[in-house]
Each structure stands twice: as structure tokens, then as C-alpha cells.
Amino acid sequence: MSRADAEVVLDTLISFAARDLAADDPRRDLITAGHEVAAMFNELRAAAYASLVARDLADQMAADERLDRALAACEPEGPHEPV
């Protein structure tokens, strides 16, 4: 199974789990967080790939800035959050 297939399966499983929960179920927050983590991972992977395949200095600089933003999005927002 490729990474793209695994991502589709994961997204589908998260969506099915959300479908079966009531609107006021507190576990919905976990489903939302799962989608957010998956989106951050996808952006991080895409940014790293863009940095690897950059063909010239301008592309490399833009890709590295994208990668920096993606990595920063993975950092905890406050001191109370675990790393």
C-alpha cells in the first residue's frame, strides 16, 4: 500500500468514526484533531518533497520557506503542551 493509499484509508476511517458520533459527543473533538494532524503531516511531507526536488535557487528558497512554515505548525502553541 502506498502512502497516498494509506492516507485515503486513514481519512476514510476518521470520517466513518465521525459519522457515527452524535453532534454533541465530546469525541468529535478528537476526530477534528485527527483531521488537523493529518493535514499538517501532509503539508510537511509535501514541503519536504518540494525542497528535495527544487531545481534552482529561487525554487529552493521558496520550498525551504514552505518547509519552515510546515515545521513551525508542528510546534506546540504554548509551554503547557508536550513536545
N, C-alpha and C. Protein backbone atom coordinates (compact mmCIF):
# COMPACT_ATOMS: atom_id res chain seq x y z
N MET A 1 0.85 -1.18 0.00
CA MET A 1 0.00 0.00 0.00
C MET A 1 0.90 1.24 0.00
N SER A 2 0.62 2.15 -0.90
CA SER A 2 1.41 3.37 -0.98
C SER A 2 1.01 4.33 0.13
N ARG A 3 1.83 5.39 0.32
CA ARG A 3 1.49 6.39 1.33
C ARG A 3 0.18 7.08 0.99
N ALA A 4 -0.04 7.33 -0.30
CA ALA A 4 -1.28 8.00 -0.70
C ALA A 4 -2.48 7.12 -0.36
N ASP A 5 -2.36 5.81 -0.61
CA ASP A 5 -3.45 4.89 -0.27
C ASP A 5 -3.67 4.86 1.23
N ALA A 6 -2.59 4.85 2.00
CA ALA A 6 -2.71 4.83 3.46
C ALA A 6 -3.40 6.10 3.95
N GLU A 7 -3.09 7.24 3.35
CA GLU A 7 -3.72 8.50 3.75
C GLU A 7 -5.22 8.47 3.46
N VAL A 8 -5.60 7.90 2.31
CA VAL A 8 -7.02 7.81 1.96
C VAL A 8 -7.74 6.89 2.94
N VAL A 9 -7.12 5.77 3.27
CA VAL A 9 -7.73 4.84 4.23
C VAL A 9 -7.88 5.52 5.59
N LEU A 10 -6.85 6.21 6.06
CA LEU A 10 -6.92 6.89 7.35
C LEU A 10 -8.01 7.96 7.35
N ASP A 11 -8.07 8.75 6.30
CA ASP A 11 -9.09 9.80 6.22
C ASP A 11 -10.48 9.18 6.20
N THR A 12 -10.64 8.07 5.47
CA THR A 12 -11.94 7.40 5.41
C THR A 12 -12.34 6.85 6.77
N LEU A 13 -11.39 6.24 7.48
CA LEU A 13 -11.69 5.72 8.82
C LEU A 13 -12.09 6.84 9.78
N ILE A 14 -11.39 7.97 9.72
CA ILE A 14 -11.73 9.11 10.58
C ILE A 14 -13.13 9.61 10.24
N SER A 15 -13.44 9.68 8.96
CA SER A 15 -14.77 10.16 8.54
C SER A 15 -15.87 9.21 8.99
N PHE A 16 -15.64 7.90 8.86
CA PHE A 16 -16.64 6.94 9.32
C PHE A 16 -16.85 7.03 10.83
N ALA A 17 -15.78 7.21 11.57
CA ALA A 17 -15.90 7.34 13.02
C ALA A 17 -16.72 8.58 13.37
N ALA A 18 -16.50 9.66 12.66
CA ALA A 18 -17.23 10.91 12.92
C ALA A 18 -18.70 10.76 12.57
N ARG A 19 -18.99 10.01 11.53
CA ARG A 19 -20.37 9.85 11.08
C ARG A 19 -21.23 9.19 12.16
N ASP A 20 -20.64 8.27 12.92
CA ASP A 20 -21.40 7.51 13.90
C ASP A 20 -21.55 8.22 15.24
N LEU A 21 -20.90 9.35 15.41
CA LEU A 21 -20.99 10.07 16.69
C LEU A 21 -22.09 11.12 16.63
N ALA A 22 -22.74 11.31 17.77
CA ALA A 22 -23.75 12.36 17.88
C ALA A 22 -23.07 13.72 17.79
N ALA A 23 -23.83 14.73 17.41
CA ALA A 23 -23.27 16.07 17.22
C ALA A 23 -22.65 16.64 18.49
N ASP A 24 -23.19 16.27 19.66
CA ASP A 24 -22.67 16.82 20.91
C ASP A 24 -21.68 15.88 21.60
N ASP A 25 -21.27 14.82 20.95
CA ASP A 25 -20.33 13.86 21.54
C ASP A 25 -18.95 14.50 21.65
N PRO A 26 -18.33 14.49 22.84
CA PRO A 26 -17.02 15.12 23.01
C PRO A 26 -15.91 14.45 22.19
N ARG A 27 -16.14 13.21 21.76
CA ARG A 27 -15.13 12.55 20.93
C ARG A 27 -15.01 13.17 19.55
N ARG A 28 -15.98 13.99 19.17
CA ARG A 28 -15.89 14.70 17.89
C ARG A 28 -14.65 15.60 17.84
N ASP A 29 -14.27 16.13 19.00
CA ASP A 29 -13.07 16.97 19.06
C ASP A 29 -11.83 16.15 18.68
N LEU A 30 -11.81 14.88 19.07
CA LEU A 30 -10.69 14.02 18.70
C LEU A 30 -10.67 13.76 17.20
N ILE A 31 -11.84 13.63 16.62
CA ILE A 31 -11.93 13.42 15.17
C ILE A 31 -11.41 14.66 14.45
N THR A 32 -11.82 15.83 14.91
CA THR A 32 -11.35 17.08 14.31
C THR A 32 -9.84 17.20 14.45
N ALA A 33 -9.33 16.87 15.62
CA ALA A 33 -7.88 16.92 15.84
C ALA A 33 -7.17 15.93 14.93
N GLY A 34 -7.75 14.77 14.71
CA GLY A 34 -7.16 13.79 13.80
C GLY A 34 -7.04 14.33 12.38
N HIS A 35 -8.09 15.02 11.93
CA HIS A 35 -8.03 15.64 10.59
C HIS A 35 -6.95 16.72 10.53
N GLU A 36 -6.83 17.51 11.59
CA GLU A 36 -5.83 18.58 11.61
C GLU A 36 -4.41 18.02 11.61
N VAL A 37 -4.19 16.96 12.36
CA VAL A 37 -2.86 16.33 12.39
C VAL A 37 -2.53 15.73 11.02
N ALA A 38 -3.51 15.09 10.41
CA ALA A 38 -3.29 14.52 9.08
C ALA A 38 -2.97 15.61 8.06
N ALA A 39 -3.66 16.73 8.15
CA ALA A 39 -3.40 17.84 7.22
C ALA A 39 -2.00 18.42 7.44
N MET A 40 -1.59 18.55 8.71
CA MET A 40 -0.24 19.06 8.99
C MET A 40 0.82 18.10 8.48
N PHE A 41 0.60 16.81 8.66
CA PHE A 41 1.55 15.82 8.17
C PHE A 41 1.65 15.87 6.65
N ASN A 42 0.52 15.98 5.98
CA ASN A 42 0.52 16.04 4.51
C ASN A 42 1.29 17.26 4.01
N GLU A 43 1.08 18.41 4.66
CA GLU A 43 1.79 19.63 4.25
C GLU A 43 3.28 19.51 4.53
N LEU A 44 3.63 18.93 5.65
CA LEU A 44 5.04 18.74 6.00
C LEU A 44 5.72 17.84 4.97
N ARG A 45 5.07 16.75 4.61
CA ARG A 45 5.64 15.83 3.62
C ARG A 45 5.76 16.49 2.25
N ALA A 46 4.74 17.24 1.84
CA ALA A 46 4.77 17.93 0.56
C ALA A 46 5.86 19.00 0.53
N ALA A 47 6.02 19.71 1.64
CA ALA A 47 7.04 20.76 1.71
C ALA A 47 8.45 20.16 1.66
N ALA A 48 8.63 19.04 2.35
CA ALA A 48 9.94 18.37 2.32
C ALA A 48 10.25 17.87 0.91
N TYR A 49 9.26 17.32 0.24
CA TYR A 49 9.47 16.84 -1.13
C TYR A 49 9.80 18.00 -2.06
N ALA A 50 9.08 19.11 -1.91
CA ALA A 50 9.35 20.28 -2.75
C ALA A 50 10.77 20.79 -2.54
N SER A 51 11.24 20.72 -1.31
CA SER A 51 12.61 21.15 -1.02
C SER A 51 13.63 20.22 -1.68
N LEU A 52 13.31 18.94 -1.73
CA LEU A 52 14.22 17.97 -2.34
C LEU A 52 14.30 18.10 -3.86
N VAL A 53 13.20 18.48 -4.50
CA VAL A 53 13.16 18.49 -5.96
C VAL A 53 13.33 19.89 -6.56
N ALA A 54 13.61 20.89 -5.74
CA ALA A 54 13.80 22.25 -6.26
C ALA A 54 14.92 22.26 -7.28
N ARG A 55 14.71 23.00 -8.37
CA ARG A 55 15.66 22.98 -9.48
C ARG A 55 16.61 24.17 -9.52
N ASP A 56 16.21 25.26 -8.90
CA ASP A 56 17.09 26.43 -8.90
C ASP A 56 17.02 27.12 -7.54
N LEU A 57 17.80 28.14 -7.39
CA LEU A 57 17.91 28.80 -6.08
C LEU A 57 16.57 29.40 -5.64
N ALA A 58 15.85 30.03 -6.55
CA ALA A 58 14.57 30.64 -6.19
C ALA A 58 13.57 29.59 -5.72
N ASP A 59 13.51 28.46 -6.45
CA ASP A 59 12.63 27.37 -6.04
C ASP A 59 13.05 26.79 -4.69
N GLN A 60 14.35 26.67 -4.50
CA GLN A 60 14.86 26.11 -3.25
C GLN A 60 14.52 27.02 -2.07
N MET A 61 14.68 28.32 -2.26
CA MET A 61 14.37 29.27 -1.18
C MET A 61 12.88 29.24 -0.85
N ALA A 62 12.03 29.21 -1.88
CA ALA A 62 10.58 29.15 -1.65
C ALA A 62 10.20 27.85 -0.96
N ALA A 63 10.79 26.75 -1.40
CA ALA A 63 10.49 25.45 -0.80
C ALA A 63 10.96 25.39 0.65
N ASP A 64 12.12 25.95 0.92
CA ASP A 64 12.63 25.96 2.29
C ASP A 64 11.77 26.81 3.21
N GLU A 65 11.25 27.92 2.70
CA GLU A 65 10.34 28.75 3.50
C GLU A 65 9.05 27.98 3.80
N ARG A 66 8.55 27.26 2.79
CA ARG A 66 7.35 26.44 2.99
C ARG A 66 7.62 25.37 4.04
N LEU A 67 8.78 24.74 3.97
CA LEU A 67 9.15 23.72 4.93
C LEU A 67 9.28 24.31 6.33
N ASP A 68 9.86 25.49 6.45
CA ASP A 68 9.95 26.16 7.75
C ASP A 68 8.57 26.41 8.35
N ARG A 69 7.63 26.87 7.51
CA ARG A 69 6.26 27.12 7.99
C ARG A 69 5.59 25.81 8.43
N ALA A 70 5.81 24.75 7.65
CA ALA A 70 5.21 23.46 8.00
C ALA A 70 5.78 22.92 9.30
N LEU A 71 7.07 23.07 9.50
CA LEU A 71 7.69 22.62 10.75
C LEU A 71 7.21 23.46 11.93
N ALA A 72 7.07 24.76 11.71
CA ALA A 72 6.59 25.64 12.79
C ALA A 72 5.17 25.29 13.20
N ALA A 73 4.35 24.84 12.25
CA ALA A 73 2.98 24.45 12.56
C ALA A 73 2.94 23.21 13.45
N CYS A 74 4.01 22.44 13.48
CA CYS A 74 4.07 21.23 14.30
C CYS A 74 4.52 21.52 15.73
N GLU A 75 5.01 22.71 15.97
CA GLU A 75 5.48 23.07 17.31
C GLU A 75 4.30 23.30 18.24
N PRO A 76 4.46 23.02 19.54
CA PRO A 76 3.39 23.29 20.50
C PRO A 76 3.08 24.79 20.55
N GLU A 77 1.82 25.10 20.80
CA GLU A 77 1.41 26.51 20.83
C GLU A 77 1.78 27.19 22.14
N GLY A 78 1.91 26.44 23.19
CA GLY A 78 2.22 27.03 24.48
C GLY A 78 3.10 26.11 25.30
N PRO A 79 3.59 26.59 26.43
CA PRO A 79 4.51 25.79 27.25
C PRO A 79 3.82 24.59 27.92
N HIS A 80 2.50 24.60 27.99
CA HIS A 80 1.78 23.51 28.66
C HIS A 80 1.63 22.28 27.77
N GLU A 81 1.90 22.42 26.48
CA GLU A 81 1.72 21.29 25.57
C GLU A 81 3.00 20.47 25.46
N PRO A 82 2.84 19.14 25.46
CA PRO A 82 4.05 18.30 25.32
C PRO A 82 4.65 18.43 23.94
N VAL A 83 5.94 18.24 23.85
CA VAL A 83 6.65 18.32 22.58
C VAL A 83 6.56 16.99 21.88
